[in-house]
Amino acid sequence: MRMAAAVLLAVWLLLMGYQFFTMEPIGFQGEVVHYIGGCLLFFQLLAWPFVFKVPKVTCGFMLFLALLSWGVARAMNPAYYAFVAVNAVFALLSYGGHRELARAASGKNI
């Protein structure tokens, strides 16, 4: 589960990072939305290394980002509901990785 979460998160970050760096926003509102999306991607990038050894930290990051994205979507731009969904999925995957580690540590390898 940890490897699946890591690979999917890496692909997501690569594709969204490419879109972030190649997109040219128009107007002030476009700039604001663009930079908020960039900040969310940056925090997802900070959470990515923890998915291997401490997936509980990644789960916490993603839940925080899901709540933050939900607030931004309610206040500014409904397009950020996609970030809410993606962060929630990655939080679930990271929690599954945490349960995988907890089960391996307890000796219940089924």
PDB file of N, CA and C in Angstrom:
ATOM      1  N   MET A   1       0.822  -1.186   0.000  1.00  0.00           N
ATOM      2  CA  MET A   1       0.000   0.000   0.000  1.00  0.00           C
ATOM      3  C   MET A   1       0.872   1.258   0.000  1.00  0.00           C
ATOM      4  N   ARG A   2       2.001   1.187   0.714  1.00  0.00           N
ATOM      5  CA  ARG A   2       2.880   2.359   0.751  1.00  0.00           C
ATOM      6  C   ARG A   2       3.457   2.651  -0.620  1.00  0.00           C
ATOM      7  N   MET A   3       3.844   1.604  -1.330  1.00  0.00           N
ATOM      8  CA  MET A   3       4.419   1.813  -2.664  1.00  0.00           C
ATOM      9  C   MET A   3       3.366   2.325  -3.638  1.00  0.00           C
ATOM     10  N   ALA A   4       2.147   1.809  -3.522  1.00  0.00           N
ATOM     11  CA  ALA A   4       1.072   2.301  -4.395  1.00  0.00           C
ATOM     12  C   ALA A   4       0.807   3.774  -4.134  1.00  0.00           C
ATOM     13  N   ALA A   5       0.750   4.147  -2.866  1.00  0.00           N
ATOM     14  CA  ALA A   5       0.530   5.550  -2.521  1.00  0.00           C
ATOM     15  C   ALA A   5       1.687   6.415  -3.018  1.00  0.00           C
ATOM     16  N   ALA A   6       2.904   5.920  -2.876  1.00  0.00           N
ATOM     17  CA  ALA A   6       4.073   6.697  -3.299  1.00  0.00           C
ATOM     18  C   ALA A   6       4.101   6.891  -4.811  1.00  0.00           C
ATOM     19  N   VAL A   7       3.809   5.833  -5.546  1.00  0.00           N
ATOM     20  CA  VAL A   7       3.835   5.929  -7.014  1.00  0.00           C
ATOM     21  C   VAL A   7       2.723   6.842  -7.514  1.00  0.00           C
ATOM     22  N   LEU A   8       1.519   6.672  -6.979  1.00  0.00           N
ATOM     23  CA  LEU A   8       0.407   7.526  -7.408  1.00  0.00           C
ATOM     24  C   LEU A   8       0.634   8.986  -7.039  1.00  0.00           C
ATOM     25  N   LEU A   9       1.163   9.226  -5.858  1.00  0.00           N
ATOM     26  CA  LEU A   9       1.446  10.600  -5.450  1.00  0.00           C
ATOM     27  C   LEU A   9       2.553  11.206  -6.313  1.00  0.00           C
ATOM     28  N   ALA A  10       3.557  10.413  -6.660  1.00  0.00           N
ATOM     29  CA  ALA A  10       4.634  10.917  -7.519  1.00  0.00           C
ATOM     30  C   ALA A  10       4.109  11.272  -8.907  1.00  0.00           C
ATOM     31  N   VAL A  11       3.265  10.423  -9.460  1.00  0.00           N
ATOM     32  CA  VAL A  11       2.687  10.711 -10.778  1.00  0.00           C
ATOM     33  C   VAL A  11       1.815  11.957 -10.710  1.00  0.00           C
ATOM     34  N   TRP A  12       1.000  12.068  -9.665  1.00  0.00           N
ATOM     35  CA  TRP A  12       0.162  13.255  -9.482  1.00  0.00           C
ATOM     36  C   TRP A  12       1.016  14.515  -9.404  1.00  0.00           C
ATOM     37  N   LEU A  13       2.088  14.470  -8.610  1.00  0.00           N
ATOM     38  CA  LEU A  13       2.940  15.647  -8.451  1.00  0.00           C
ATOM     39  C   LEU A  13       3.651  16.005  -9.750  1.00  0.00           C
ATOM     40  N   LEU A  14       4.078  15.010 -10.501  1.00  0.00           N
ATOM     41  CA  LEU A  14       4.731  15.292 -11.781  1.00  0.00           C
ATOM     42  C   LEU A  14       3.771  15.949 -12.772  1.00  0.00           C
ATOM     43  N   LEU A  15       2.581  15.382 -12.897  1.00  0.00           N
ATOM     44  CA  LEU A  15       1.627  15.933 -13.858  1.00  0.00           C
ATOM     45  C   LEU A  15       1.143  17.323 -13.448  1.00  0.00           C
ATOM     46  N   MET A  16       0.809  17.488 -12.178  1.00  0.00           N
ATOM     47  CA  MET A  16       0.328  18.791 -11.719  1.00  0.00           C
ATOM     48  C   MET A  16       1.458  19.819 -11.665  1.00  0.00           C
ATOM     49  N   GLY A  17       2.666  19.375 -11.345  1.00  0.00           N
ATOM     50  CA  GLY A  17       3.803  20.283 -11.373  1.00  0.00           C
ATOM     51  C   GLY A  17       4.088  20.783 -12.778  1.00  0.00           C
ATOM     52  N   TYR A  18       3.969  19.884 -13.753  1.00  0.00           N
ATOM     53  CA  TYR A  18       4.148  20.295 -15.151  1.00  0.00           C
ATOM     54  C   TYR A  18       3.083  21.318 -15.537  1.00  0.00           C
ATOM     55  N   GLN A  19       1.848  21.061 -15.151  1.00  0.00           N
ATOM     56  CA  GLN A  19       0.778  22.007 -15.457  1.00  0.00           C
ATOM     57  C   GLN A  19       1.019  23.341 -14.759  1.00  0.00           C
ATOM     58  N   PHE A  20       1.476  23.299 -13.520  1.00  0.00           N
ATOM     59  CA  PHE A  20       1.716  24.530 -12.770  1.00  0.00           C
ATOM     60  C   PHE A  20       2.786  25.380 -13.441  1.00  0.00           C
ATOM     61  N   PHE A  21       3.875  24.754 -13.878  1.00  0.00           N
ATOM     62  CA  PHE A  21       4.985  25.525 -14.435  1.00  0.00           C
ATOM     63  C   PHE A  21       4.770  25.937 -15.884  1.00  0.00           C
ATOM     64  N   THR A  22       3.847  25.294 -16.595  1.00  0.00           N
ATOM     65  CA  THR A  22       3.631  25.654 -17.993  1.00  0.00           C
ATOM     66  C   THR A  22       2.394  26.522 -18.204  1.00  0.00           C
ATOM     67  N   MET A  23       1.599  26.717 -17.184  1.00  0.00           N
ATOM     68  CA  MET A  23       0.370  27.499 -17.320  1.00  0.00           C
ATOM     69  C   MET A  23       0.650  28.978 -17.115  1.00  0.00           C
ATOM     70  N   GLU A  24      -0.008  29.816 -17.907  1.00  0.00           N
ATOM     71  CA  GLU A  24       0.113  31.259 -17.753  1.00  0.00           C
ATOM     72  C   GLU A  24      -1.240  31.823 -17.336  1.00  0.00           C
ATOM     73  N   PRO A  25      -1.397  32.163 -16.064  1.00  0.00           N
ATOM     74  CA  PRO A  25      -2.680  32.699 -15.612  1.00  0.00           C
ATOM     75  C   PRO A  25      -2.928  34.106 -16.153  1.00  0.00           C
ATOM     76  N   ILE A  26      -4.210  34.428 -16.293  1.00  0.00           N
ATOM     77  CA  ILE A  26      -4.602  35.741 -16.812  1.00  0.00           C
ATOM     78  C   ILE A  26      -5.305  36.509 -15.697  1.00  0.00           C
ATOM     79  N   GLY A  27      -4.845  37.702 -15.442  1.00  0.00           N
ATOM     80  CA  GLY A  27      -5.491  38.576 -14.462  1.00  0.00           C
ATOM     81  C   GLY A  27      -5.066  38.261 -13.036  1.00  0.00           C
ATOM     82  N   PHE A  28      -5.474  39.142 -12.144  1.00  0.00           N
ATOM     83  CA  PHE A  28      -5.100  38.994 -10.738  1.00  0.00           C
ATOM     84  C   PHE A  28      -5.736  37.767 -10.113  1.00  0.00           C
ATOM     85  N   GLN A  29      -7.022  37.525 -10.395  1.00  0.00           N
ATOM     86  CA  GLN A  29      -7.705  36.363  -9.833  1.00  0.00           C
ATOM     87  C   GLN A  29      -7.038  35.068 -10.300  1.00  0.00           C
ATOM     88  N   GLY A  30      -6.633  35.023 -11.550  1.00  0.00           N
ATOM     89  CA  GLY A  30      -5.927  33.850 -12.064  1.00  0.00           C
ATOM     90  C   GLY A  30      -4.591  33.634 -11.382  1.00  0.00           C
ATOM     91  N   GLU A  31      -3.884  34.721 -11.105  1.00  0.00           N
ATOM     92  CA  GLU A  31      -2.604  34.619 -10.396  1.00  0.00           C
ATOM     93  C   GLU A  31      -2.794  34.071  -8.988  1.00  0.00           C
ATOM     94  N   VAL A  32      -3.802  34.552  -8.292  1.00  0.00           N
ATOM     95  CA  VAL A  32      -4.056  34.116  -6.917  1.00  0.00           C
ATOM     96  C   VAL A  32      -4.389  32.627  -6.893  1.00  0.00           C
ATOM     97  N   VAL A  33      -5.289  32.210  -7.769  1.00  0.00           N
ATOM     98  CA  VAL A  33      -5.677  30.805  -7.846  1.00  0.00           C
ATOM     99  C   VAL A  33      -4.472  29.938  -8.214  1.00  0.00           C
ATOM    100  N   HIS A  34      -3.642  30.437  -9.121  1.00  0.00           N
ATOM    101  CA  HIS A  34      -2.443  29.715  -9.559  1.00  0.00           C
ATOM    102  C   HIS A  34      -1.475  29.512  -8.395  1.00  0.00           C
ATOM    103  N   TYR A  35      -1.223  30.535  -7.622  1.00  0.00           N
ATOM    104  CA  TYR A  35      -0.259  30.429  -6.527  1.00  0.00           C
ATOM    105  C   TYR A  35      -0.802  29.629  -5.350  1.00  0.00           C
ATOM    106  N   ILE A  36      -2.099  29.665  -5.107  1.00  0.00           N
ATOM    107  CA  ILE A  36      -2.670  28.814  -4.059  1.00  0.00           C
ATOM    108  C   ILE A  36      -2.514  27.349  -4.456  1.00  0.00           C
ATOM    109  N   GLY A  37      -2.780  27.031  -5.722  1.00  0.00           N
ATOM    110  CA  GLY A  37      -2.566  25.667  -6.204  1.00  0.00           C
ATOM    111  C   GLY A  37      -1.107  25.253  -6.100  1.00  0.00           C
ATOM    112  N   GLY A  38      -0.201  26.172  -6.378  1.00  0.00           N
ATOM    113  CA  GLY A  38       1.226  25.878  -6.241  1.00  0.00           C
ATOM    114  C   GLY A  38       1.627  25.596  -4.803  1.00  0.00           C
ATOM    115  N   CYS A  39       1.056  26.346  -3.871  1.00  0.00           N
ATOM    116  CA  CYS A  39       1.339  26.101  -2.445  1.00  0.00           C
ATOM    117  C   CYS A  39       0.823  24.734  -2.011  1.00  0.00           C
ATOM    118  N   LEU A  40      -0.373  24.365  -2.464  1.00  0.00           N
ATOM    119  CA  LEU A  40      -0.912  23.051  -2.131  1.00  0.00           C
ATOM    120  C   LEU A  40      -0.030  21.940  -2.699  1.00  0.00           C
ATOM    121  N   LEU A  41       0.439  22.117  -3.934  1.00  0.00           N
ATOM    122  CA  LEU A  41       1.337  21.126  -4.528  1.00  0.00           C
ATOM    123  C   LEU A  41       2.662  21.051  -3.775  1.00  0.00           C
ATOM    124  N   PHE A  42       3.163  22.191  -3.321  1.00  0.00           N
ATOM    125  CA  PHE A  42       4.416  22.198  -2.567  1.00  0.00           C
ATOM    126  C   PHE A  42       4.272  21.417  -1.263  1.00  0.00           C
ATOM    127  N   PHE A  43       3.162  21.606  -0.550  1.00  0.00           N
ATOM    128  CA  PHE A  43       2.962  20.862   0.690  1.00  0.00           C
ATOM    129  C   PHE A  43       2.740  19.378   0.431  1.00  0.00           C
ATOM    130  N   GLN A  44       2.129  19.035  -0.706  1.00  0.00           N
ATOM    131  CA  GLN A  44       2.027  17.622  -1.072  1.00  0.00           C
ATOM    132  C   GLN A  44       3.415  17.049  -1.340  1.00  0.00           C
ATOM    133  N   LEU A  45       4.257  17.849  -1.970  1.00  0.00           N
ATOM    134  CA  LEU A  45       5.630  17.406  -2.227  1.00  0.00           C
ATOM    135  C   LEU A  45       6.390  17.201  -0.921  1.00  0.00           C
ATOM    136  N   LEU A  46       6.153  18.061   0.068  1.00  0.00           N
ATOM    137  CA  LEU A  46       6.790  17.877   1.371  1.00  0.00           C
ATOM    138  C   LEU A  46       6.318  16.591   2.055  1.00  0.00           C
ATOM    139  N   ALA A  47       5.077  16.199   1.816  1.00  0.00           N
ATOM    140  CA  ALA A  47       4.525  15.001   2.452  1.00  0.00           C
ATOM    141  C   ALA A  47       4.988  13.721   1.770  1.00  0.00           C
ATOM    142  N   TRP A  48       5.407  13.799   0.520  1.00  0.00           N
ATOM    143  CA  TRP A  48       5.722  12.601  -0.258  1.00  0.00           C
ATOM    144  C   TRP A  48       6.811  11.719   0.354  1.00  0.00           C
ATOM    145  N   PRO A  49       7.933  12.237   0.842  1.00  0.00           N
ATOM    146  CA  PRO A  49       8.972  11.338   1.372  1.00  0.00           C
ATOM    147  C   PRO A  49       8.534  10.541   2.601  1.00  0.00           C
ATOM    148  N   PHE A  50       7.570  11.051   3.350  1.00  0.00           N
ATOM    149  CA  PHE A  50       7.144  10.357   4.561  1.00  0.00           C
ATOM    150  C   PHE A  50       6.301   9.126   4.275  1.00  0.00           C
ATOM    151  N   VAL A  51       5.827   8.972   3.045  1.00  0.00           N
ATOM    152  CA  VAL A  51       4.935   7.858   2.733  1.00  0.00           C
ATOM    153  C   VAL A  51       5.653   6.510   2.842  1.00  0.00           C
ATOM    154  N   PHE A  52       6.972   6.507   2.777  1.00  0.00           N
ATOM    155  CA  PHE A  52       7.717   5.254   2.818  1.00  0.00           C
ATOM    156  C   PHE A  52       7.908   4.731   4.236  1.00  0.00           C
ATOM    157  N   LYS A  53       8.367   5.568   5.154  1.00  0.00           N
ATOM    158  CA  LYS A  53       8.690   5.116   6.506  1.00  0.00           C
ATOM    159  C   LYS A  53       7.658   5.518   7.557  1.00  0.00           C
ATOM    160  N   VAL A  54       7.035   6.684   7.386  1.00  0.00           N
ATOM    161  CA  VAL A  54       6.080   7.194   8.375  1.00  0.00           C
ATOM    162  C   VAL A  54       4.804   7.641   7.642  1.00  0.00           C
ATOM    163  N   PRO A  55       4.024   6.693   7.138  1.00  0.00           N
ATOM    164  CA  PRO A  55       2.844   7.084   6.359  1.00  0.00           C
ATOM    165  C   PRO A  55       1.782   7.811   7.179  1.00  0.00           C
ATOM    166  N   LYS A  56       1.840   7.699   8.500  1.00  0.00           N
ATOM    167  CA  LYS A  56       0.880   8.423   9.342  1.00  0.00           C
ATOM    168  C   LYS A  56       1.085   9.933   9.197  1.00  0.00           C
ATOM    169  N   VAL A  57       2.324  10.363   9.025  1.00  0.00           N
ATOM    170  CA  VAL A  57       2.616  11.792   8.818  1.00  0.00           C
ATOM    171  C   VAL A  57       2.036  12.248   7.483  1.00  0.00           C
ATOM    172  N   THR A  58       2.202  11.432   6.451  1.00  0.00           N
ATOM    173  CA  THR A  58       1.636  11.765   5.147  1.00  0.00           C
ATOM    174  C   THR A  58       0.123  11.844   5.228  1.00  0.00           C
ATOM    175  N   CYS A  59      -0.482  10.945   5.965  1.00  0.00           N
ATOM    176  CA  CYS A  59      -1.937  10.965   6.149  1.00  0.00           C
ATOM    177  C   CYS A  59      -2.361  12.264   6.821  1.00  0.00           C
ATOM    178  N   GLY A  60      -1.625  12.700   7.831  1.00  0.00           N
ATOM    179  CA  GLY A  60      -1.930  13.962   8.501  1.00  0.00           C
ATOM    180  C   GLY A  60      -1.787  15.156   7.576  1.00  0.00           C
ATOM    181  N   PHE A  61      -0.707  15.178   6.794  1.00  0.00           N
ATOM    182  CA  PHE A  61      -0.504  16.238   5.810  1.00  0.00           C
ATOM    183  C   PHE A  61      -1.685  16.299   4.854  1.00  0.00           C
ATOM    184  N   MET A  62      -2.078  15.146   4.334  1.00  0.00           N
ATOM    185  CA  MET A  62      -3.128  15.106   3.315  1.00  0.00           C
ATOM    186  C   MET A  62      -4.490  15.492   3.895  1.00  0.00           C
ATOM    187  N   LEU A  63      -4.763  15.083   5.119  1.00  0.00           N
ATOM    188  CA  LEU A  63      -6.023  15.497   5.743  1.00  0.00           C
ATOM    189  C   LEU A  63      -6.049  17.005   5.967  1.00  0.00           C
ATOM    190  N   PHE A  64      -4.908  17.561   6.418  1.00  0.00           N
ATOM    191  CA  PHE A  64      -4.818  19.010   6.585  1.00  0.00           C
ATOM    192  C   PHE A  64      -5.012  19.725   5.254  1.00  0.00           C
ATOM    193  N   LEU A  65      -4.364  19.220   4.206  1.00  0.00           N
ATOM    194  CA  LEU A  65      -4.500  19.837   2.886  1.00  0.00           C
ATOM    195  C   LEU A  65      -5.908  19.682   2.327  1.00  0.00           C
ATOM    196  N   ALA A  66      -6.573  18.574   2.634  1.00  0.00           N
ATOM    197  CA  ALA A  66      -7.963  18.400   2.195  1.00  0.00           C
ATOM    198  C   ALA A  66      -8.861  19.442   2.854  1.00  0.00           C
ATOM    199  N   LEU A  67      -8.657  19.669   4.155  1.00  0.00           N
ATOM    200  CA  LEU A  67      -9.444  20.697   4.844  1.00  0.00           C
ATOM    201  C   LEU A  67      -9.130  22.098   4.309  1.00  0.00           C
ATOM    202  N   LEU A  68      -7.861  22.360   4.071  1.00  0.00           N
ATOM    203  CA  LEU A  68      -7.464  23.647   3.522  1.00  0.00           C
ATOM    204  C   LEU A  68      -8.041  23.847   2.125  1.00  0.00           C
ATOM    205  N   SER A  69      -7.987  22.813   1.299  1.00  0.00           N
ATOM    206  CA  SER A  69      -8.546  22.890  -0.055  1.00  0.00           C
ATOM    207  C   SER A  69     -10.055  23.082  -0.013  1.00  0.00           C
ATOM    208  N   TRP A  70     -10.710  22.424   0.930  1.00  0.00           N
ATOM    209  CA  TRP A  70     -12.146  22.582   1.067  1.00  0.00           C
ATOM    210  C   TRP A  70     -12.490  24.030   1.410  1.00  0.00           C
ATOM    211  N   GLY A  71     -11.723  24.625   2.310  1.00  0.00           N
ATOM    212  CA  GLY A  71     -11.950  26.026   2.652  1.00  0.00           C
ATOM    213  C   GLY A  71     -11.729  26.954   1.471  1.00  0.00           C
ATOM    214  N   VAL A  72     -10.672  26.700   0.705  1.00  0.00           N
ATOM    215  CA  VAL A  72     -10.399  27.520  -0.475  1.00  0.00           C
ATOM    216  C   VAL A  72     -11.502  27.331  -1.516  1.00  0.00           C
ATOM    217  N   ALA A  73     -11.971  26.105  -1.679  1.00  0.00           N
ATOM    218  CA  ALA A  73     -13.033  25.838  -2.652  1.00  0.00           C
ATOM    219  C   ALA A  73     -14.325  26.541  -2.248  1.00  0.00           C
ATOM    220  N   ARG A  74     -14.627  26.557  -0.957  1.00  0.00           N
ATOM    221  CA  ARG A  74     -15.850  27.223  -0.501  1.00  0.00           C
ATOM    222  C   ARG A  74     -15.727  28.742  -0.628  1.00  0.00           C
ATOM    223  N   ALA A  75     -14.548  29.278  -0.373  1.00  0.00           N
ATOM    224  CA  ALA A  75     -14.380  30.730  -0.336  1.00  0.00           C
ATOM    225  C   ALA A  75     -14.057  31.344  -1.696  1.00  0.00           C
ATOM    226  N   MET A  76     -13.274  30.637  -2.519  1.00  0.00           N
ATOM    227  CA  MET A  76     -12.764  31.277  -3.729  1.00  0.00           C
ATOM    228  C   MET A  76     -13.183  30.611  -5.033  1.00  0.00           C
ATOM    229  N   ASN A  77     -12.768  29.360  -5.199  1.00  0.00           N
ATOM    230  CA  ASN A  77     -12.901  28.725  -6.511  1.00  0.00           C
ATOM    231  C   ASN A  77     -13.335  27.278  -6.337  1.00  0.00           C
ATOM    232  N   PRO A  78     -14.475  26.889  -6.876  1.00  0.00           N
ATOM    233  CA  PRO A  78     -14.954  25.512  -6.722  1.00  0.00           C
ATOM    234  C   PRO A  78     -14.055  24.458  -7.384  1.00  0.00           C
ATOM    235  N   ALA A  79     -13.129  24.868  -8.202  1.00  0.00           N
ATOM    236  CA  ALA A  79     -12.222  23.907  -8.842  1.00  0.00           C
ATOM    237  C   ALA A  79     -11.345  23.194  -7.817  1.00  0.00           C
ATOM    238  N   TYR A  80     -11.192  23.766  -6.638  1.00  0.00           N
ATOM    239  CA  TYR A  80     -10.355  23.152  -5.610  1.00  0.00           C
ATOM    240  C   TYR A  80     -11.018  21.953  -4.943  1.00  0.00           C
ATOM    241  N   TYR A  81     -12.286  21.665  -5.280  1.00  0.00           N
ATOM    242  CA  TYR A  81     -12.900  20.430  -4.790  1.00  0.00           C
ATOM    243  C   TYR A  81     -12.161  19.216  -5.347  1.00  0.00           C
ATOM    244  N   ALA A  82     -11.522  19.359  -6.493  1.00  0.00           N
ATOM    245  CA  ALA A  82     -10.700  18.263  -7.025  1.00  0.00           C
ATOM    246  C   ALA A  82      -9.522  17.987  -6.095  1.00  0.00           C
ATOM    247  N   PHE A  83      -8.915  19.040  -5.558  1.00  0.00           N
ATOM    248  CA  PHE A  83      -7.830  18.869  -4.595  1.00  0.00           C
ATOM    249  C   PHE A  83      -8.336  18.179  -3.328  1.00  0.00           C
ATOM    250  N   VAL A  84      -9.552  18.497  -2.920  1.00  0.00           N
ATOM    251  CA  VAL A  84     -10.127  17.851  -1.737  1.00  0.00           C
ATOM    252  C   VAL A  84     -10.231  16.351  -1.972  1.00  0.00           C
ATOM    253  N   ALA A  85     -10.756  15.965  -3.127  1.00  0.00           N
ATOM    254  CA  ALA A  85     -10.917  14.546  -3.439  1.00  0.00           C
ATOM    255  C   ALA A  85      -9.571  13.838  -3.527  1.00  0.00           C
ATOM    256  N   VAL A  86      -8.617  14.451  -4.208  1.00  0.00           N
ATOM    257  CA  VAL A  86      -7.301  13.824  -4.378  1.00  0.00           C
ATOM    258  C   VAL A  86      -6.592  13.692  -3.036  1.00  0.00           C
ATOM    259  N   ASN A  87      -6.636  14.726  -2.214  1.00  0.00           N
ATOM    260  CA  ASN A  87      -5.992  14.657  -0.897  1.00  0.00           C
ATOM    261  C   ASN A  87      -6.661  13.624  -0.005  1.00  0.00           C
ATOM    262  N   ALA A  88      -7.982  13.494  -0.104  1.00  0.00           N
ATOM    263  CA  ALA A  88      -8.675  12.481   0.694  1.00  0.00           C
ATOM    264  C   ALA A  88      -8.273  11.073   0.260  1.00  0.00           C
ATOM    265  N   VAL A  89      -8.141  10.851  -1.036  1.00  0.00           N
ATOM    266  CA  VAL A  89      -7.707   9.538  -1.534  1.00  0.00           C
ATOM    267  C   VAL A  89      -6.295   9.230  -1.062  1.00  0.00           C
ATOM    268  N   PHE A  90      -5.399  10.198  -1.157  1.00  0.00           N
ATOM    269  CA  PHE A  90      -4.028   9.967  -0.708  1.00  0.00           C
ATOM    270  C   PHE A  90      -3.952   9.794   0.808  1.00  0.00           C
ATOM    271  N   ALA A  91      -4.830  10.447   1.546  1.00  0.00           N
ATOM    272  CA  ALA A  91      -4.873  10.247   2.998  1.00  0.00           C
ATOM    273  C   ALA A  91      -5.298   8.812   3.310  1.00  0.00           C
ATOM    274  N   LEU A  92      -6.293   8.302   2.593  1.00  0.00           N
ATOM    275  CA  LEU A  92      -6.719   6.915   2.798  1.00  0.00           C
ATOM    276  C   LEU A  92      -5.623   5.923   2.427  1.00  0.00           C
ATOM    277  N   LEU A  93      -4.943   6.171   1.320  1.00  0.00           N
ATOM    278  CA  LEU A  93      -3.837   5.295   0.921  1.00  0.00           C
ATOM    279  C   LEU A  93      -2.714   5.326   1.958  1.00  0.00           C
ATOM    280  N   SER A  94      -2.415   6.494   2.477  1.00  0.00           N
ATOM    281  CA  SER A  94      -1.361   6.612   3.487  1.00  0.00           C
ATOM    282  C   SER A  94      -1.767   5.929   4.781  1.00  0.00           C
ATOM    283  N   TYR A  95      -3.033   6.038   5.137  1.00  0.00           N
ATOM    284  CA  TYR A  95      -3.504   5.345   6.335  1.00  0.00           C
ATOM    285  C   TYR A  95      -3.413   3.832   6.136  1.00  0.00           C
ATOM    286  N   GLY A  96      -3.722   3.365   4.930  1.00  0.00           N
ATOM    287  CA  GLY A  96      -3.551   1.945   4.629  1.00  0.00           C
ATOM    288  C   GLY A  96      -2.098   1.514   4.758  1.00  0.00           C
ATOM    289  N   GLY A  97      -1.176   2.376   4.331  1.00  0.00           N
ATOM    290  CA  GLY A  97       0.244   2.084   4.507  1.00  0.00           C
ATOM    291  C   GLY A  97       0.641   2.053   5.973  1.00  0.00           C
ATOM    292  N   HIS A  98       0.050   2.924   6.765  1.00  0.00           N
ATOM    293  CA  HIS A  98       0.318   2.916   8.207  1.00  0.00           C
ATOM    294  C   HIS A  98      -0.186   1.625   8.838  1.00  0.00           C
ATOM    295  N   ARG A  99      -1.372   1.188   8.458  1.00  0.00           N
ATOM    296  CA  ARG A  99      -1.919  -0.064   8.992  1.00  0.00           C
ATOM    297  C   ARG A  99      -1.062  -1.248   8.546  1.00  0.00           C
ATOM    298  N   GLU A 100      -0.523  -1.169   7.347  1.00  0.00           N
ATOM    299  CA  GLU A 100       0.383  -2.219   6.854  1.00  0.00           C
ATOM    300  C   GLU A 100       1.618  -2.312   7.743  1.00  0.00           C
ATOM    301  N   LEU A 101       2.206  -1.177   8.081  1.00  0.00           N
ATOM    302  CA  LEU A 101       3.379  -1.165   8.961  1.00  0.00           C
ATOM    303  C   LEU A 101       3.025  -1.632  10.365  1.00  0.00           C
ATOM    304  N   ALA A 102       1.869  -1.203  10.869  1.00  0.00           N
ATOM    305  CA  ALA A 102       1.452  -1.607  12.216  1.00  0.00           C
ATOM    306  C   ALA A 102       1.211  -3.104  12.278  1.00  0.00           C
ATOM    307  N   ARG A 103       0.606  -3.659  11.241  1.00  0.00           N
ATOM    308  CA  ARG A 103       0.361  -5.101  11.217  1.00  0.00           C
ATOM    309  C   ARG A 103       1.682  -5.869  11.118  1.00  0.00           C
ATOM    310  N   ALA A 104       2.621  -5.377  10.343  1.00  0.00           N
ATOM    311  CA  ALA A 104       3.920  -6.052  10.221  1.00  0.00           C
ATOM    312  C   ALA A 104       4.681  -5.984  11.543  1.00  0.00           C
ATOM    313  N   ALA A 105       4.555  -4.887  12.265  1.00  0.00           N
ATOM    314  CA  ALA A 105       5.269  -4.745  13.533  1.00  0.00           C
ATOM    315  C   ALA A 105       4.675  -5.637  14.613  1.00  0.00           C
ATOM    316  N   SER A 106       3.373  -5.895  14.527  1.00  0.00           N
ATOM    317  CA  SER A 106       2.748  -6.726  15.551  1.00  0.00           C
ATOM    318  C   SER A 106       2.923  -8.219  15.275  1.00  0.00           C
ATOM    319  N   GLY A 107       3.379  -8.574  14.088  1.00  0.00           N
ATOM    320  CA  GLY A 107       3.623  -9.977  13.760  1.00  0.00           C
ATOM    321  C   GLY A 107       2.435 -10.670  13.122  1.00  0.00           C
ATOM    322  N   LYS A 108       1.389  -9.949  12.811  1.00  0.00           N
ATOM    323  CA  LYS A 108       0.219 -10.543  12.176  1.00  0.00           C
ATOM    324  C   LYS A 108       0.323 -10.392  10.664  1.00  0.00           C
ATOM    325  N   ASN A 109       1.188 -11.150  10.059  1.00  0.00           N
ATOM    326  CA  ASN A 109       1.387 -11.075   8.606  1.00  0.00           C
ATOM    327  C   ASN A 109       0.450 -12.040   7.911  1.00  0.00           C
ATOM    328  N   ILE A 110      -0.722 -11.565   7.627  1.00  0.00           N
ATOM    329  CA  ILE A 110      -1.716 -12.414   6.948  1.00  0.00           C
ATOM    330  C   ILE A 110      -1.899 -11.907   5.543  1.00  0.00           C
TER     331      ILE A 110
END
